[in-house]
């Protein structure tokens, strides 16, 4: 494990909390079962001694070291998959991603992704800043979210776009259909988001191990049982719009993770579309803005609510 990552954590959790539960809540992106496997392999020490039990109760002041082996590298191959190219030059590509397509390869989704398609389209000419598994990827949207993404072909372009993203100067707006009637015409949600300690697949509004997240929304159309909104991001946390809207009791229609468990729209996937994207071109310095039409499934859902 020459290239292993060492994570140091001080015991600050509730008295007598199990170490696997404690570490899964204190580490970003590590599941409880993953922590348990690391404990079984001898990769977790407490105060310099290997911890051999996932049931060990953490004490305040414990120094816990986790040795995380380097993840296996995925072989990312170009694939001849059609891509909706909205704009392209020698430095960037703007694409309109369809619902159902994963942005980049990961365990469980090694191929068929947007990255596989772009590697074929660009003959491998994408920025290298995010490594071989995420070449060119500056920002992402969920598998079941459709809409606009900007991809960097060069490292110079990538650095510029990443800076704009970090400084919140990139324009990103979504249209979403949410459950029930939002009474206020607009609102601002400024609540931190972190990993849900009870479900490794979810994010949650929490003050623990979280980051600031800001979503601005305004009502575009009301249907009684649902509302069409525009949501603009100031930050870009995982599942941000989905988590924030669910927190204020207006989850996205069709959201299988944060929506009502008994909703008849659950299997359709969330009604969320990244329709507006604006940024300063990394080379020319010109402001560019792109819009995407609502996909057919989204439009059909709107008509369905309008007729209710």
C-alpha atoms as a PDB file:
ATOM      1  CA  UNK A   1       0.000   0.000   0.000  1.00  0.00           C
ATOM      2  CA  UNK A   2       2.765   2.412  -1.023  1.00  0.00           C
ATOM      3  CA  UNK A   3       0.266   4.956  -2.304  1.00  0.00           C
ATOM      4  CA  UNK A   4      -2.263   4.463   0.490  1.00  0.00           C
ATOM      5  CA  UNK A   5      -4.011   7.480   1.977  1.00  0.00           C
ATOM      6  CA  UNK A   6      -3.807   8.045   5.744  1.00  0.00           C
ATOM      7  CA  UNK A   7      -6.794   9.671   7.454  1.00  0.00           C
ATOM      8  CA  UNK A   8      -6.413  10.935  11.027  1.00  0.00           C
ATOM      9  CA  UNK A   9      -9.511  11.516  13.139  1.00  0.00           C
ATOM     10  CA  UNK A  10      -9.820  12.575  16.770  1.00  0.00           C
ATOM     11  CA  UNK A  11     -12.552  10.993  18.867  1.00  0.00           C
ATOM     12  CA  UNK A  12     -15.220  13.696  19.144  1.00  0.00           C
ATOM     13  CA  UNK A  13     -18.381  11.650  18.787  1.00  0.00           C
ATOM     14  CA  UNK A  14     -21.008  10.721  21.374  1.00  0.00           C
ATOM     15  CA  UNK A  15     -19.705   8.615  24.250  1.00  0.00           C
ATOM     16  CA  UNK A  16     -19.752   4.859  23.563  1.00  0.00           C
ATOM     17  CA  UNK A  17     -20.498   5.219  19.830  1.00  0.00           C
ATOM     18  CA  UNK A  18     -19.338   2.210  17.809  1.00  0.00           C
ATOM     19  CA  UNK A  19     -16.220   2.897  15.792  1.00  0.00           C
ATOM     20  CA  UNK A  20     -17.736   1.798  12.471  1.00  0.00           C
ATOM     21  CA  UNK A  21     -20.703   4.148  12.923  1.00  0.00           C
ATOM     22  CA  UNK A  22     -18.461   6.963  14.131  1.00  0.00           C
ATOM     23  CA  UNK A  23     -16.028   6.712  11.206  1.00  0.00           C
ATOM     24  CA  UNK A  24     -18.749   6.410   8.575  1.00  0.00           C
ATOM     25  CA  UNK A  25     -20.217   9.701   9.793  1.00  0.00           C
ATOM     26  CA  UNK A  26     -16.849  11.451  10.056  1.00  0.00           C
ATOM     27  CA  UNK A  27     -15.432  10.453   6.661  1.00  0.00           C
ATOM     28  CA  UNK A  28     -16.810  11.723   3.378  1.00  0.00           C
ATOM     29  CA  UNK A  29     -17.781   9.049   0.881  1.00  0.00           C
ATOM     30  CA  UNK A  30     -16.928   5.996   3.050  1.00  0.00           C
ATOM     31  CA  UNK A  31     -19.751   3.614   3.902  1.00  0.00           C
ATOM     32  CA  UNK A  32     -20.176   1.777   7.177  1.00  0.00           C
ATOM     33  CA  UNK A  33     -19.641  -1.571   5.438  1.00  0.00           C
ATOM     34  CA  UNK A  34     -16.488  -0.183   3.815  1.00  0.00           C
ATOM     35  CA  UNK A  35     -15.200   0.913   7.216  1.00  0.00           C
ATOM     36  CA  UNK A  36     -15.924  -2.549   8.601  1.00  0.00           C
ATOM     37  CA  UNK A  37     -13.845  -4.159   5.837  1.00  0.00           C
ATOM     38  CA  UNK A  38     -10.944  -1.828   6.623  1.00  0.00           C
ATOM     39  CA  UNK A  39     -11.181  -2.772  10.304  1.00  0.00           C
ATOM     40  CA  UNK A  40     -11.183  -6.474   9.398  1.00  0.00           C
ATOM     41  CA  UNK A  41      -8.072  -5.983   7.268  1.00  0.00           C
ATOM     42  CA  UNK A  42      -6.190  -4.288  10.112  1.00  0.00           C
ATOM     43  CA  UNK A  43      -6.192  -0.885   8.419  1.00  0.00           C
ATOM     44  CA  UNK A  44      -7.635   1.004  11.429  1.00  0.00           C
ATOM     45  CA  UNK A  45      -5.640   1.842  14.551  1.00  0.00           C
ATOM     46  CA  UNK A  46      -6.746   3.499  17.788  1.00  0.00           C
ATOM     47  CA  UNK A  47      -4.041   5.282  19.763  1.00  0.00           C
ATOM     48  CA  UNK A  48      -1.387   3.354  17.866  1.00  0.00           C
ATOM     49  CA  UNK A  49      -2.957  -0.086  18.344  1.00  0.00           C
ATOM     50  CA  UNK A  50      -4.701  -2.026  15.584  1.00  0.00           C
ATOM     51  CA  UNK A  51      -8.467  -2.073  16.169  1.00  0.00           C
ATOM     52  CA  UNK A  52      -9.784  -5.591  15.593  1.00  0.00           C
ATOM     53  CA  UNK A  53     -13.446  -4.990  16.443  1.00  0.00           C
ATOM     54  CA  UNK A  54     -16.074  -2.969  14.649  1.00  0.00           C
ATOM     55  CA  UNK A  55     -17.904  -2.807  17.990  1.00  0.00           C
ATOM     56  CA  UNK A  56     -15.139  -0.851  19.724  1.00  0.00           C
ATOM     57  CA  UNK A  57     -16.656   2.150  21.536  1.00  0.00           C
ATOM     58  CA  UNK A  58     -14.928   5.420  20.704  1.00  0.00           C
ATOM     59  CA  UNK A  59     -13.763   7.529  23.627  1.00  0.00           C
ATOM     60  CA  UNK A  60     -13.286  11.282  23.532  1.00  0.00           C
ATOM     61  CA  UNK A  61      -9.674  12.052  22.609  1.00  0.00           C
ATOM     62  CA  UNK A  62      -9.017   8.753  20.794  1.00  0.00           C
ATOM     63  CA  UNK A  63      -6.662   9.222  17.839  1.00  0.00           C
ATOM     64  CA  UNK A  64      -7.841   7.012  15.002  1.00  0.00           C
ATOM     65  CA  UNK A  65      -5.764   6.366  11.881  1.00  0.00           C
ATOM     66  CA  UNK A  66      -7.325   4.835   8.768  1.00  0.00           C
ATOM     67  CA  UNK A  67      -5.060   3.508   6.027  1.00  0.00           C
ATOM     68  CA  UNK A  68      -7.099   3.624   2.840  1.00  0.00           C
ATOM     69  CA  UNK A  69      -5.564   1.687  -0.071  1.00  0.00           C
ATOM     70  CA  UNK A  70      -5.322   3.434  -3.413  1.00  0.00           C
ATOM     71  CA  UNK A  71      -8.456   2.680  -5.435  1.00  0.00           C
ATOM     72  CA  UNK A  72      -8.144   0.448  -8.422  1.00  0.00           C
ATOM     73  CA  UNK A  73      -7.778   2.375 -11.636  1.00  0.00           C
ATOM     74  CA  UNK A  74     -10.508   1.903 -14.187  1.00  0.00           C
ATOM     75  CA  UNK A  75      -9.657   1.344 -17.829  1.00  0.00           C
ATOM     76  CA  UNK A  76     -11.688   4.054 -19.545  1.00  0.00           C
ATOM     77  CA  UNK A  77     -12.197   3.257 -23.206  1.00  0.00           C
ATOM     78  CA  UNK A  78     -13.584   5.504 -25.981  1.00  0.00           C
ATOM     79  CA  UNK A  79     -17.040   4.401 -27.130  1.00  0.00           C
ATOM     80  CA  UNK A  80     -18.978   5.439 -30.205  1.00  0.00           C
ATOM     81  CA  UNK A  81     -22.021   6.792 -28.349  1.00  0.00           C
ATOM     82  CA  UNK A  82     -24.057   9.682 -29.834  1.00  0.00           C
ATOM     83  CA  UNK A  83     -23.625  12.950 -27.946  1.00  0.00           C
ATOM     84  CA  UNK A  84     -25.708  16.112 -28.335  1.00  0.00           C
ATOM     85  CA  UNK A  85     -23.000  18.747 -28.893  1.00  0.00           C
ATOM     86  CA  UNK A  86     -24.409  22.254 -28.349  1.00  0.00           C
ATOM     87  CA  UNK A  87     -21.108  24.089 -28.888  1.00  0.00           C
ATOM     88  CA  UNK A  88     -17.506  23.086 -29.555  1.00  0.00           C
ATOM     89  CA  UNK A  89     -14.150  24.717 -30.268  1.00  0.00           C
ATOM     90  CA  UNK A  90     -10.499  23.852 -29.607  1.00  0.00           C
ATOM     91  CA  UNK A  91     -10.835  24.493 -25.873  1.00  0.00           C
ATOM     92  CA  UNK A  92     -14.314  23.509 -24.651  1.00  0.00           C
ATOM     93  CA  UNK A  93     -17.397  21.471 -25.472  1.00  0.00           C
ATOM     94  CA  UNK A  94     -20.924  22.176 -24.247  1.00  0.00           C
ATOM     95  CA  UNK A  95     -23.121  19.073 -24.266  1.00  0.00           C
ATOM     96  CA  UNK A  96     -26.784  18.411 -23.544  1.00  0.00           C
ATOM     97  CA  UNK A  97     -26.758  15.208 -21.480  1.00  0.00           C
ATOM     98  CA  UNK A  98     -29.798  12.961 -21.697  1.00  0.00           C
ATOM     99  CA  UNK A  99     -31.520  11.569 -18.645  1.00  0.00           C
ATOM    100  CA  UNK A 100     -30.168   8.147 -17.737  1.00  0.00           C
ATOM    101  CA  UNK A 101     -26.551   8.749 -18.774  1.00  0.00           C
ATOM    102  CA  UNK A 102     -23.828   8.696 -16.109  1.00  0.00           C
ATOM    103  CA  UNK A 103     -21.257  11.496 -16.483  1.00  0.00           C
ATOM    104  CA  UNK A 104     -18.073   9.525 -15.784  1.00  0.00           C
ATOM    105  CA  UNK A 105     -17.049   5.897 -15.147  1.00  0.00           C
ATOM    106  CA  UNK A 106     -17.093   4.521 -11.618  1.00  0.00           C
ATOM    107  CA  UNK A 107     -17.346   1.069 -10.051  1.00  0.00           C
ATOM    108  CA  UNK A 108     -20.652  -0.328 -11.248  1.00  0.00           C
ATOM    109  CA  UNK A 109     -20.704   1.999 -14.277  1.00  0.00           C
ATOM    110  CA  UNK A 110     -17.446   1.307 -16.134  1.00  0.00           C
ATOM    111  CA  UNK A 111     -18.745   2.196 -19.579  1.00  0.00           C
ATOM    112  CA  UNK A 112     -21.568   3.841 -21.489  1.00  0.00           C
ATOM    113  CA  UNK A 113     -20.850   7.159 -19.801  1.00  0.00           C
ATOM    114  CA  UNK A 114     -20.517  10.674 -21.160  1.00  0.00           C
ATOM    115  CA  UNK A 115     -16.741  10.448 -20.697  1.00  0.00           C
ATOM    116  CA  UNK A 116     -16.580   7.277 -22.803  1.00  0.00           C
ATOM    117  CA  UNK A 117     -18.529   9.061 -25.526  1.00  0.00           C
ATOM    118  CA  UNK A 118     -16.389  12.214 -25.386  1.00  0.00           C
ATOM    119  CA  UNK A 119     -13.123  10.283 -25.506  1.00  0.00           C
ATOM    120  CA  UNK A 120     -14.318   8.840 -28.821  1.00  0.00           C
ATOM    121  CA  UNK A 121     -15.666  12.144 -30.141  1.00  0.00           C
ATOM    122  CA  UNK A 122     -12.509  14.098 -29.219  1.00  0.00           C
ATOM    123  CA  UNK A 123     -10.051  11.308 -30.034  1.00  0.00           C
ATOM    124  CA  UNK A 124      -8.871  11.432 -26.427  1.00  0.00           C
ATOM    125  CA  UNK A 125      -8.209  15.177 -26.398  1.00  0.00           C
ATOM    126  CA  UNK A 126      -9.628  16.201 -23.038  1.00  0.00           C
ATOM    127  CA  UNK A 127      -8.061  17.944 -20.043  1.00  0.00           C
ATOM    128  CA  UNK A 128      -6.091  15.725 -17.685  1.00  0.00           C
ATOM    129  CA  UNK A 129      -6.615  17.641 -14.431  1.00  0.00           C
ATOM    130  CA  UNK A 130      -9.210  15.216 -13.042  1.00  0.00           C
ATOM    131  CA  UNK A 131      -7.225  12.133 -14.022  1.00  0.00           C
ATOM    132  CA  UNK A 132      -7.890   9.277 -16.415  1.00  0.00           C
ATOM    133  CA  UNK A 133     -11.346   8.463 -15.029  1.00  0.00           C
ATOM    134  CA  UNK A 134     -12.786  11.985 -15.281  1.00  0.00           C
ATOM    135  CA  UNK A 135     -10.971  13.678 -18.171  1.00  0.00           C
ATOM    136  CA  UNK A 136     -12.419  17.086 -19.016  1.00  0.00           C
ATOM    137  CA  UNK A 137     -15.067  16.953 -16.305  1.00  0.00           C
ATOM    138  CA  UNK A 138     -15.438  20.345 -14.612  1.00  0.00           C
ATOM    139  CA  UNK A 139     -18.862  19.808 -13.035  1.00  0.00           C
ATOM    140  CA  UNK A 140     -21.421  17.022 -12.972  1.00  0.00           C
ATOM    141  CA  UNK A 141     -25.142  16.402 -12.910  1.00  0.00           C
ATOM    142  CA  UNK A 142     -26.858  13.262 -11.653  1.00  0.00           C
ATOM    143  CA  UNK A 143     -27.535  10.280 -13.893  1.00  0.00           C
ATOM    144  CA  UNK A 144     -31.277  10.987 -13.954  1.00  0.00           C
ATOM    145  CA  UNK A 145     -30.871  14.749 -14.392  1.00  0.00           C
ATOM    146  CA  UNK A 146     -30.763  15.996 -17.971  1.00  0.00           C
ATOM    147  CA  UNK A 147     -29.231  19.137 -19.390  1.00  0.00           C
ATOM    148  CA  UNK A 148     -26.163  21.240 -20.037  1.00  0.00           C
ATOM    149  CA  UNK A 149     -22.553  20.601 -19.067  1.00  0.00           C
ATOM    150  CA  UNK A 150     -19.330  22.299 -20.152  1.00  0.00           C
ATOM    151  CA  UNK A 151     -16.333  20.023 -20.738  1.00  0.00           C
ATOM    152  CA  UNK A 152     -12.698  21.186 -20.913  1.00  0.00           C
ATOM    153  CA  UNK A 153     -10.469  19.991 -23.736  1.00  0.00           C
ATOM    154  CA  UNK A 154      -7.309  21.554 -22.322  1.00  0.00           C
ATOM    155  CA  UNK A 155      -5.868  21.993 -18.838  1.00  0.00           C
ATOM    156  CA  UNK A 156      -5.805  25.781 -19.279  1.00  0.00           C
ATOM    157  CA  UNK A 157      -9.525  25.798 -20.075  1.00  0.00           C
ATOM    158  CA  UNK A 158     -10.218  23.450 -17.166  1.00  0.00           C
ATOM    159  CA  UNK A 159      -8.437  25.680 -14.655  1.00  0.00           C
ATOM    160  CA  UNK A 160     -10.376  28.746 -15.802  1.00  0.00           C
ATOM    161  CA  UNK A 161     -13.746  27.017 -15.667  1.00  0.00           C
ATOM    162  CA  UNK A 162     -12.986  25.426 -12.292  1.00  0.00           C
ATOM    163  CA  UNK A 163     -12.096  28.862 -10.897  1.00  0.00           C
ATOM    164  CA  UNK A 164     -15.388  30.318 -12.137  1.00  0.00           C
ATOM    165  CA  UNK A 165     -17.220  27.417 -10.524  1.00  0.00           C
ATOM    166  CA  UNK A 166     -15.398  27.903  -7.217  1.00  0.00           C
ATOM    167  CA  UNK A 167     -16.056  31.664  -7.255  1.00  0.00           C
ATOM    168  CA  UNK A 168     -19.767  31.074  -8.025  1.00  0.00           C
ATOM    169  CA  UNK A 169     -19.547  33.242 -11.150  1.00  0.00           C
ATOM    170  CA  UNK A 170     -20.792  30.485 -13.474  1.00  0.00           C
ATOM    171  CA  UNK A 171     -24.509  30.727 -14.262  1.00  0.00           C
ATOM    172  CA  UNK A 172     -26.323  27.438 -13.654  1.00  0.00           C
ATOM    173  CA  UNK A 173     -30.107  27.261 -13.619  1.00  0.00           C
ATOM    174  CA  UNK A 174     -32.440  24.288 -13.531  1.00  0.00           C
ATOM    175  CA  UNK A 175     -36.140  23.706 -14.047  1.00  0.00           C
ATOM    176  CA  UNK A 176     -37.791  21.270 -11.681  1.00  0.00           C
ATOM    177  CA  UNK A 177     -41.267  20.015 -10.866  1.00  0.00           C
ATOM    178  CA  UNK A 178     -41.802  19.669  -7.127  1.00  0.00           C
ATOM    179  CA  UNK A 179     -44.606  18.207  -5.063  1.00  0.00           C
ATOM    180  CA  UNK A 180     -47.421  20.403  -3.744  1.00  0.00           C
ATOM    181  CA  UNK A 181     -47.986  24.128  -3.944  1.00  0.00           C
ATOM    182  CA  UNK A 182     -45.144  26.488  -3.007  1.00  0.00           C
ATOM    183  CA  UNK A 183     -46.856  29.541  -1.547  1.00  0.00           C
ATOM    184  CA  UNK A 184     -43.981  32.038  -1.801  1.00  0.00           C
ATOM    185  CA  UNK A 185     -43.066  33.261  -5.279  1.00  0.00           C
ATOM    186  CA  UNK A 186     -39.361  32.893  -4.580  1.00  0.00           C
ATOM    187  CA  UNK A 187     -36.987  31.804  -1.844  1.00  0.00           C
ATOM    188  CA  UNK A 188     -33.400  31.220  -0.810  1.00  0.00           C
ATOM    189  CA  UNK A 189     -32.210  28.058   0.939  1.00  0.00           C
ATOM    190  CA  UNK A 190     -28.878  28.494   2.711  1.00  0.00           C
ATOM    191  CA  UNK A 191     -28.380  25.229   4.587  1.00  0.00           C
ATOM    192  CA  UNK A 192     -25.268  22.999   4.825  1.00  0.00           C
ATOM    193  CA  UNK A 193     -25.278  19.605   3.158  1.00  0.00           C
ATOM    194  CA  UNK A 194     -23.286  16.524   4.129  1.00  0.00           C
ATOM    195  CA  UNK A 195     -23.542  12.782   3.832  1.00  0.00           C
ATOM    196  CA  UNK A 196     -26.563  11.236   5.522  1.00  0.00           C
ATOM    197  CA  UNK A 197     -25.163   9.169   8.427  1.00  0.00           C
ATOM    198  CA  UNK A 198     -28.040   6.714   8.084  1.00  0.00           C
ATOM    199  CA  UNK A 199     -27.830   6.094   4.332  1.00  0.00           C
ATOM    200  CA  UNK A 200     -24.565   6.215   2.381  1.00  0.00           C
ATOM    201  CA  UNK A 201     -26.419   6.816  -0.874  1.00  0.00           C
ATOM    202  CA  UNK A 202     -28.052  10.006   0.383  1.00  0.00           C
ATOM    203  CA  UNK A 203     -27.090  13.531   1.373  1.00  0.00           C
ATOM    204  CA  UNK A 204     -28.839  15.509   4.079  1.00  0.00           C
ATOM    205  CA  UNK A 205     -29.088  18.971   5.597  1.00  0.00           C
ATOM    206  CA  UNK A 206     -26.756  18.620   8.573  1.00  0.00           C
ATOM    207  CA  UNK A 207     -24.254  20.609  10.579  1.00  0.00           C
ATOM    208  CA  UNK A 208     -21.953  17.624  10.938  1.00  0.00           C
ATOM    209  CA  UNK A 209     -19.144  17.098   8.414  1.00  0.00           C
ATOM    210  CA  UNK A 210     -20.960  19.291   5.893  1.00  0.00           C
ATOM    211  CA  UNK A 211     -20.381  22.200   3.526  1.00  0.00           C
ATOM    212  CA  UNK A 212     -22.362  25.353   2.893  1.00  0.00           C
ATOM    213  CA  UNK A 213     -24.987  24.981   0.175  1.00  0.00           C
ATOM    214  CA  UNK A 214     -27.109  27.768  -1.319  1.00  0.00           C
ATOM    215  CA  UNK A 215     -30.065  27.320  -3.679  1.00  0.00           C
ATOM    216  CA  UNK A 216     -32.238  30.174  -4.950  1.00  0.00           C
ATOM    217  CA  UNK A 217     -35.621  29.298  -6.413  1.00  0.00           C
ATOM    218  CA  UNK A 218     -38.601  31.031  -7.948  1.00  0.00           C
ATOM    219  CA  UNK A 219     -42.022  29.766  -8.936  1.00  0.00           C
ATOM    220  CA  UNK A 220     -42.724  29.606 -12.672  1.00  0.00           C
ATOM    221  CA  UNK A 221     -46.118  27.868 -12.638  1.00  0.00           C
ATOM    222  CA  UNK A 222     -48.453  26.349 -10.062  1.00  0.00           C
ATOM    223  CA  UNK A 223     -50.677  23.299 -10.582  1.00  0.00           C
ATOM    224  CA  UNK A 224     -52.177  22.774  -7.133  1.00  0.00           C
ATOM    225  CA  UNK A 225     -50.617  19.377  -6.524  1.00  0.00           C
ATOM    226  CA  UNK A 226     -47.253  20.397  -7.970  1.00  0.00           C
ATOM    227  CA  UNK A 227     -45.172  23.485  -8.785  1.00  0.00           C
ATOM    228  CA  UNK A 228     -42.771  24.249 -11.623  1.00  0.00           C
ATOM    229  CA  UNK A 229     -39.745  26.149 -10.338  1.00  0.00           C
ATOM    230  CA  UNK A 230     -36.460  27.557 -11.540  1.00  0.00           C
ATOM    231  CA  UNK A 231     -33.542  26.796  -9.215  1.00  0.00           C
ATOM    232  CA  UNK A 232     -30.228  28.623  -9.431  1.00  0.00           C
ATOM    233  CA  UNK A 233     -27.145  27.289  -7.707  1.00  0.00           C
ATOM    234  CA  UNK A 234     -24.593  29.357  -5.840  1.00  0.00           C
ATOM    235  CA  UNK A 235     -22.790  26.205  -4.723  1.00  0.00           C
ATOM    236  CA  UNK A 236     -22.573  22.757  -6.257  1.00  0.00           C
ATOM    237  CA  UNK A 237     -23.052  20.080  -3.629  1.00  0.00           C
ATOM    238  CA  UNK A 238     -24.063  16.536  -4.482  1.00  0.00           C
ATOM    239  CA  UNK A 239     -27.866  16.272  -4.870  1.00  0.00           C
ATOM    240  CA  UNK A 240     -28.145  19.899  -3.725  1.00  0.00           C
ATOM    241  CA  UNK A 241     -31.469  20.887  -5.293  1.00  0.00           C
ATOM    242  CA  UNK A 242     -33.006  17.519  -4.455  1.00  0.00           C
ATOM    243  CA  UNK A 243     -31.915  17.692  -0.802  1.00  0.00           C
ATOM    244  CA  UNK A 244     -32.881  21.343  -0.289  1.00  0.00           C
ATOM    245  CA  UNK A 245     -36.325  21.026  -1.845  1.00  0.00           C
ATOM    246  CA  UNK A 246     -37.057  17.842   0.104  1.00  0.00           C
ATOM    247  CA  UNK A 247     -35.980  19.600   3.304  1.00  0.00           C
ATOM    248  CA  UNK A 248     -38.579  22.368   2.809  1.00  0.00           C
ATOM    249  CA  UNK A 249     -41.218  19.681   2.165  1.00  0.00           C
ATOM    250  CA  UNK A 250     -41.351  20.080  -1.620  1.00  0.00           C
ATOM    251  CA  UNK A 251     -39.351  17.106  -2.973  1.00  0.00           C
ATOM    252  CA  UNK A 252     -38.894  16.718  -6.692  1.00  0.00           C
ATOM    253  CA  UNK A 253     -41.583  14.793  -8.544  1.00  0.00           C
ATOM    254  CA  UNK A 254     -40.245  11.342  -9.438  1.00  0.00           C
ATOM    255  CA  UNK A 255     -37.259  11.509  -7.089  1.00  0.00           C
ATOM    256  CA  UNK A 256     -36.681   7.898  -5.946  1.00  0.00           C
ATOM    257  CA  UNK A 257     -34.261   8.871  -3.175  1.00  0.00           C
ATOM    258  CA  UNK A 258     -35.729  11.980  -1.560  1.00  0.00           C
ATOM    259  CA  UNK A 259     -39.341  11.900  -2.728  1.00  0.00           C
ATOM    260  CA  UNK A 260     -42.399  10.283  -1.132  1.00  0.00           C
ATOM    261  CA  UNK A 261     -42.019   6.520  -0.820  1.00  0.00           C
ATOM    262  CA  UNK A 262     -45.541   5.880  -2.151  1.00  0.00           C
ATOM    263  CA  UNK A 263     -45.507   8.332  -5.056  1.00  0.00           C
ATOM    264  CA  UNK A 264     -46.815   6.966  -8.356  1.00  0.00           C
ATOM    265  CA  UNK A 265     -44.081   8.961 -10.147  1.00  0.00           C
ATOM    266  CA  UNK A 266     -41.230   7.374  -8.183  1.00  0.00           C
ATOM    267  CA  UNK A 267     -40.002   5.059 -10.937  1.00  0.00           C
ATOM    268  CA  UNK A 268     -39.710   7.878 -13.480  1.00  0.00           C
ATOM    269  CA  UNK A 269     -36.687   9.561 -11.915  1.00  0.00           C
ATOM    270  CA  UNK A 270     -36.564  13.164 -10.752  1.00  0.00           C
ATOM    271  CA  UNK A 271     -38.046  15.917 -12.907  1.00  0.00           C
ATOM    272  CA  UNK A 272     -34.898  18.067 -13.003  1.00  0.00           C
ATOM    273  CA  UNK A 273     -33.347  19.668 -16.081  1.00  0.00           C
ATOM    274  CA  UNK A 274     -30.228  21.868 -16.293  1.00  0.00           C
ATOM    275  CA  UNK A 275     -31.623  24.280 -18.858  1.00  0.00           C
ATOM    276  CA  UNK A 276     -29.312  27.304 -18.544  1.00  0.00           C
ATOM    277  CA  UNK A 277     -25.501  27.478 -18.468  1.00  0.00           C
ATOM    278  CA  UNK A 278     -23.360  30.599 -18.696  1.00  0.00           C
ATOM    279  CA  UNK A 279     -19.644  31.244 -18.233  1.00  0.00           C
ATOM    280  CA  UNK A 280     -16.709  33.299 -19.494  1.00  0.00           C
ATOM    281  CA  UNK A 281     -14.824  31.554 -22.299  1.00  0.00           C
ATOM    282  CA  UNK A 282     -11.430  30.506 -20.894  1.00  0.00           C
ATOM    283  CA  UNK A 283      -9.477  31.877 -23.862  1.00  0.00           C
ATOM    284  CA  UNK A 284     -11.485  34.651 -25.538  1.00  0.00           C
ATOM    285  CA  UNK A 285     -12.847  36.145 -22.311  1.00  0.00           C
ATOM    286  CA  UNK A 286     -16.319  36.456 -23.874  1.00  0.00           C
ATOM    287  CA  UNK A 287     -19.389  35.618 -21.829  1.00  0.00           C
ATOM    288  CA  UNK A 288     -21.266  32.666 -23.359  1.00  0.00           C
ATOM    289  CA  UNK A 289     -24.739  31.457 -22.430  1.00  0.00           C
ATOM    290  CA  UNK A 290     -26.608  28.369 -23.572  1.00  0.00           C
ATOM    291  CA  UNK A 291     -30.174  27.152 -23.118  1.00  0.00           C
ATOM    292  CA  UNK A 292     -31.640  23.689 -23.480  1.00  0.00           C
ATOM    293  CA  UNK A 293     -35.227  22.811 -24.334  1.00  0.00           C
ATOM    294  CA  UNK A 294     -37.111  20.665 -21.863  1.00  0.00           C
ATOM    295  CA  UNK A 295     -36.938  16.950 -22.719  1.00  0.00           C
ATOM    296  CA  UNK A 296     -40.125  15.295 -23.909  1.00  0.00           C
ATOM    297  CA  UNK A 297     -40.672  13.367 -20.683  1.00  0.00           C
ATOM    298  CA  UNK A 298     -40.477  16.580 -18.653  1.00  0.00           C
ATOM    299  CA  UNK A 299     -42.861  18.439 -20.981  1.00  0.00           C
ATOM    300  CA  UNK A 300     -45.317  15.547 -20.885  1.00  0.00           C
ATOM    301  CA  UNK A 301     -45.299  15.641 -17.091  1.00  0.00           C
ATOM    302  CA  UNK A 302     -46.070  19.372 -17.143  1.00  0.00           C
ATOM    303  CA  UNK A 303     -49.049  18.799 -19.413  1.00  0.00           C
ATOM    304  CA  UNK A 304     -50.233  16.015 -17.162  1.00  0.00           C
ATOM    305  CA  UNK A 305     -50.311  18.344 -14.141  1.00  0.00           C
ATOM    306  CA  UNK A 306     -51.927  21.163 -16.145  1.00  0.00           C
ATOM    307  CA  UNK A 307     -54.863  18.876 -16.947  1.00  0.00           C
ATOM    308  CA  UNK A 308     -55.456  17.783 -13.353  1.00  0.00           C
END
